[in-house]
Amino acid sequence: MARTKVISITEAAKVVADVLALPLPEPKPTRQTREDKHSASAWF
């Protein structure tokens, strides 16, 4: 059986906690450019 990398529940919880601990971005104006809606940086 091939050994695959398995992430433990505690590891996953740590990752989620780290993401939730990040400061929320400032609310953006409702008017957005196409680049803002489709770029990954708009979500992070």
Protein backbone atom coordinates (compact mmCIF):
# COMPACT_ATOMS: atom_id res chain seq x y z
CA MET A 1 0.00 0.00 0.00
CA ALA A 2 1.46 3.33 -1.02
CA ARG A 3 2.18 5.62 1.88
CA THR A 4 0.46 8.96 1.40
CA LYS A 5 1.00 12.06 3.47
CA VAL A 6 -1.92 12.34 5.84
CA ILE A 7 -2.56 15.52 7.77
CA SER A 8 -3.78 14.92 11.29
CA ILE A 9 -6.88 16.52 12.73
CA THR A 10 -4.76 18.58 15.11
CA GLU A 11 -2.54 19.78 12.25
CA ALA A 12 -5.61 20.77 10.24
CA ALA A 13 -7.07 22.56 13.26
CA LYS A 14 -3.82 24.50 13.68
CA VAL A 15 -3.90 25.59 10.05
CA VAL A 16 -7.52 26.69 10.34
CA ALA A 17 -6.79 28.52 13.59
CA ASP A 18 -3.85 30.31 11.96
CA VAL A 19 -6.04 31.43 9.06
CA LEU A 20 -8.81 32.62 11.37
CA ALA A 21 -6.24 34.47 13.49
CA LEU A 22 -5.25 36.63 10.53
CA PRO A 23 -6.56 40.20 10.72
CA LEU A 24 -9.57 40.76 8.51
CA PRO A 25 -8.96 43.00 5.51
CA GLU A 26 -10.66 46.36 5.44
CA PRO A 27 -14.07 46.30 3.75
CA LYS A 28 -13.65 47.02 0.08
CA PRO A 29 -15.91 49.42 -1.80
CA THR A 30 -18.72 47.62 -3.59
CA ARG A 31 -17.36 48.81 -6.93
CA GLN A 32 -14.56 46.45 -7.92
CA THR A 33 -12.49 46.05 -11.03
CA ARG A 34 -12.48 42.78 -12.90
CA GLU A 35 -8.93 42.15 -11.66
CA ASP A 36 -10.02 42.44 -8.03
CA LYS A 37 -12.82 39.93 -8.46
CA HIS A 38 -10.66 37.33 -10.18
CA SER A 39 -7.28 37.71 -8.51
CA ALA A 40 -6.36 35.40 -5.67
CA SER A 41 -5.03 38.35 -3.68
CA ALA A 42 -8.57 39.70 -3.41
CA TRP A 43 -9.36 36.77 -1.11
CA PHE A 44 -6.27 37.00 1.11
